[in-house]
Amino acid sequence: MNHIITKTFREGNLMAEVKVELIPDDGAWGPYISAADALKLERVRLALKTGDKELAAKEATVFEVSRFAAE
């Protein structure tokens, strides 16, 4: 049975949550993600790095993060 997990990336004030599917493997290397999911993670990471939130939002949930300092 495959499981869906959420990977989180943060770059500057942008954060993205990307859903990927874990594929079980009874061997020593599992579980793993598909090549398509790995490429999706890379596209979202690069989009955040360049500040392109619209592109990242096509494949992830994107948030703008602001710092809060308690006094």
N, C-alpha and C. Protein backbone atom coordinates (compact mmCIF):
# COMPACT_ATOMS: atom_id res chain seq x y z
N MET A 1 0.83 -1.18 0.00
CA MET A 1 0.00 0.00 0.00
C MET A 1 0.88 1.24 0.00
N ASN A 2 0.64 2.15 -0.92
CA ASN A 2 1.40 3.38 -1.03
C ASN A 2 0.87 4.43 -0.06
N HIS A 3 1.76 5.25 0.44
CA HIS A 3 1.38 6.30 1.38
C HIS A 3 1.70 7.66 0.76
N ILE A 4 0.85 8.63 1.01
CA ILE A 4 1.09 10.00 0.58
C ILE A 4 1.71 10.76 1.75
N ILE A 5 2.83 11.42 1.48
CA ILE A 5 3.48 12.24 2.51
C ILE A 5 3.60 13.67 1.99
N THR A 6 3.88 14.59 2.88
CA THR A 6 4.05 15.99 2.52
C THR A 6 5.50 16.39 2.79
N LYS A 7 6.17 16.87 1.74
CA LYS A 7 7.53 17.40 1.88
C LYS A 7 7.41 18.92 1.93
N THR A 8 8.19 19.55 2.79
CA THR A 8 8.13 21.00 2.97
C THR A 8 9.45 21.63 2.56
N PHE A 9 9.35 22.70 1.78
CA PHE A 9 10.53 23.47 1.38
C PHE A 9 10.33 24.91 1.83
N ARG A 10 11.41 25.54 2.23
CA ARG A 10 11.35 26.96 2.57
C ARG A 10 12.52 27.66 1.93
N GLU A 11 12.23 28.76 1.30
CA GLU A 11 13.25 29.58 0.65
C GLU A 11 12.88 31.04 0.91
N GLY A 12 13.68 31.72 1.71
CA GLY A 12 13.37 33.11 2.06
C GLY A 12 12.04 33.18 2.79
N ASN A 13 11.11 34.00 2.28
CA ASN A 13 9.81 34.13 2.94
C ASN A 13 8.74 33.25 2.28
N LEU A 14 9.16 32.32 1.41
CA LEU A 14 8.21 31.41 0.77
C LEU A 14 8.39 29.99 1.30
N MET A 15 7.28 29.31 1.48
CA MET A 15 7.29 27.93 1.93
C MET A 15 6.29 27.16 1.08
N ALA A 16 6.63 25.92 0.74
CA ALA A 16 5.73 25.10 -0.07
C ALA A 16 5.60 23.73 0.55
N GLU A 17 4.39 23.19 0.48
CA GLU A 17 4.11 21.82 0.89
C GLU A 17 3.77 21.03 -0.37
N VAL A 18 4.55 19.99 -0.62
CA VAL A 18 4.40 19.18 -1.83
C VAL A 18 4.01 17.76 -1.41
N LYS A 19 2.92 17.26 -1.98
CA LYS A 19 2.49 15.89 -1.68
C LYS A 19 3.16 14.93 -2.66
N VAL A 20 3.80 13.89 -2.11
CA VAL A 20 4.43 12.85 -2.92
C VAL A 20 4.01 11.49 -2.38
N GLU A 21 4.12 10.51 -3.24
CA GLU A 21 3.70 9.16 -2.89
C GLU A 21 4.92 8.30 -2.56
N LEU A 22 4.90 7.69 -1.38
CA LEU A 22 5.95 6.74 -0.99
C LEU A 22 5.58 5.36 -1.52
N ILE A 23 6.50 4.77 -2.25
CA ILE A 23 6.29 3.43 -2.81
C ILE A 23 7.02 2.44 -1.91
N PRO A 24 6.31 1.47 -1.35
CA PRO A 24 6.96 0.53 -0.43
C PRO A 24 7.93 -0.40 -1.17
N ASP A 25 8.94 -0.82 -0.45
CA ASP A 25 9.92 -1.76 -0.99
C ASP A 25 10.37 -2.63 0.17
N ASP A 26 10.25 -3.92 0.02
CA ASP A 26 10.63 -4.83 1.09
C ASP A 26 12.14 -4.97 1.24
N GLY A 27 12.88 -4.45 0.27
CA GLY A 27 14.34 -4.51 0.32
C GLY A 27 14.90 -3.45 1.25
N ALA A 28 16.19 -3.36 1.27
CA ALA A 28 16.89 -2.44 2.17
C ALA A 28 16.78 -0.99 1.74
N TRP A 29 16.33 -0.69 0.52
CA TRP A 29 16.34 0.67 0.01
C TRP A 29 15.01 1.39 0.15
N GLY A 30 13.95 0.70 0.47
CA GLY A 30 12.63 1.33 0.45
C GLY A 30 12.28 2.02 1.75
N PRO A 31 11.22 2.75 1.77
CA PRO A 31 10.37 3.12 0.64
C PRO A 31 11.05 4.21 -0.21
N TYR A 32 10.53 4.41 -1.41
CA TYR A 32 11.11 5.40 -2.31
C TYR A 32 10.00 6.18 -3.00
N ILE A 33 10.38 7.25 -3.71
CA ILE A 33 9.41 8.04 -4.48
C ILE A 33 9.69 7.82 -5.96
N SER A 34 8.69 8.06 -6.78
CA SER A 34 8.85 7.88 -8.22
C SER A 34 9.73 8.99 -8.80
N ALA A 35 10.23 8.76 -10.00
CA ALA A 35 11.02 9.78 -10.70
C ALA A 35 10.17 11.02 -10.96
N ALA A 36 8.90 10.82 -11.29
CA ALA A 36 8.01 11.96 -11.54
C ALA A 36 7.85 12.82 -10.29
N ASP A 37 7.70 12.19 -9.12
CA ASP A 37 7.59 12.95 -7.87
C ASP A 37 8.90 13.65 -7.53
N ALA A 38 10.03 13.00 -7.81
CA ALA A 38 11.33 13.62 -7.56
C ALA A 38 11.50 14.87 -8.43
N LEU A 39 11.08 14.79 -9.68
CA LEU A 39 11.15 15.95 -10.56
C LEU A 39 10.20 17.05 -10.11
N LYS A 40 9.03 16.67 -9.60
CA LYS A 40 8.08 17.67 -9.08
C LYS A 40 8.70 18.41 -7.89
N LEU A 41 9.35 17.68 -6.99
CA LEU A 41 10.01 18.31 -5.86
C LEU A 41 11.08 19.30 -6.33
N GLU A 42 11.84 18.90 -7.33
CA GLU A 42 12.89 19.77 -7.84
C GLU A 42 12.32 21.02 -8.52
N ARG A 43 11.23 20.87 -9.27
CA ARG A 43 10.59 22.03 -9.91
C ARG A 43 10.10 23.03 -8.87
N VAL A 44 9.47 22.52 -7.82
CA VAL A 44 8.95 23.40 -6.77
C VAL A 44 10.10 24.07 -6.03
N ARG A 45 11.15 23.34 -5.74
CA ARG A 45 12.31 23.90 -5.04
C ARG A 45 12.94 25.03 -5.86
N LEU A 46 13.11 24.79 -7.16
CA LEU A 46 13.71 25.82 -8.01
C LEU A 46 12.79 27.03 -8.16
N ALA A 47 11.48 26.80 -8.24
CA ALA A 47 10.53 27.91 -8.34
C ALA A 47 10.59 28.78 -7.09
N LEU A 48 10.68 28.16 -5.92
CA LEU A 48 10.80 28.93 -4.68
C LEU A 48 12.11 29.71 -4.66
N LYS A 49 13.17 29.08 -5.11
CA LYS A 49 14.48 29.73 -5.10
C LYS A 49 14.50 30.98 -5.97
N THR A 50 13.76 30.95 -7.08
CA THR A 50 13.71 32.11 -7.97
C THR A 50 12.57 33.07 -7.61
N GLY A 51 11.78 32.72 -6.59
CA GLY A 51 10.69 33.58 -6.15
C GLY A 51 9.43 33.48 -7.00
N ASP A 52 9.33 32.45 -7.83
CA ASP A 52 8.17 32.28 -8.72
C ASP A 52 7.08 31.48 -8.00
N LYS A 53 6.31 32.18 -7.17
CA LYS A 53 5.28 31.47 -6.38
C LYS A 53 4.15 30.95 -7.24
N GLU A 54 3.85 31.59 -8.37
CA GLU A 54 2.79 31.09 -9.25
C GLU A 54 3.15 29.73 -9.83
N LEU A 55 4.41 29.59 -10.26
CA LEU A 55 4.87 28.31 -10.80
C LEU A 55 4.86 27.23 -9.72
N ALA A 56 5.34 27.57 -8.54
CA ALA A 56 5.37 26.60 -7.44
C ALA A 56 3.95 26.19 -7.05
N ALA A 57 3.01 27.14 -7.11
CA ALA A 57 1.63 26.86 -6.69
C ALA A 57 0.91 25.92 -7.64
N LYS A 58 1.45 25.69 -8.83
CA LYS A 58 0.84 24.74 -9.75
C LYS A 58 0.97 23.30 -9.24
N GLU A 59 1.99 23.05 -8.42
CA GLU A 59 2.24 21.68 -7.95
C GLU A 59 2.33 21.56 -6.43
N ALA A 60 2.11 22.66 -5.73
CA ALA A 60 2.25 22.64 -4.28
C ALA A 60 1.34 23.68 -3.65
N THR A 61 1.20 23.59 -2.34
CA THR A 61 0.53 24.63 -1.58
C THR A 61 1.63 25.59 -1.13
N VAL A 62 1.49 26.86 -1.49
CA VAL A 62 2.55 27.84 -1.23
C VAL A 62 2.08 28.83 -0.18
N PHE A 63 2.98 29.16 0.73
CA PHE A 63 2.71 30.10 1.81
C PHE A 63 3.76 31.19 1.80
N GLU A 64 3.38 32.40 2.20
CA GLU A 64 4.33 33.46 2.48
C GLU A 64 4.51 33.48 3.99
N VAL A 65 5.75 33.43 4.42
CA VAL A 65 6.08 33.32 5.85
C VAL A 65 6.65 34.65 6.31
N SER A 66 6.19 35.10 7.47
CA SER A 66 6.77 36.30 8.06
C SER A 66 7.23 35.98 9.47
N ARG A 67 8.26 36.68 9.86
CA ARG A 67 8.84 36.45 11.18
C ARG A 67 8.04 37.19 12.24
N PHE A 68 7.84 36.53 13.36
CA PHE A 68 7.14 37.13 14.48
C PHE A 68 8.08 37.07 15.68
N ALA A 69 8.39 38.22 16.23
CA ALA A 69 9.28 38.26 17.40
C ALA A 69 8.46 38.61 18.63
N ALA A 70 8.45 37.71 19.59
CA ALA A 70 7.75 37.96 20.86
C ALA A 70 8.65 38.81 21.75
N GLU A 71 8.03 39.73 22.43
CA GLU A 71 8.81 40.59 23.34
C GLU A 71 8.44 40.34 24.76
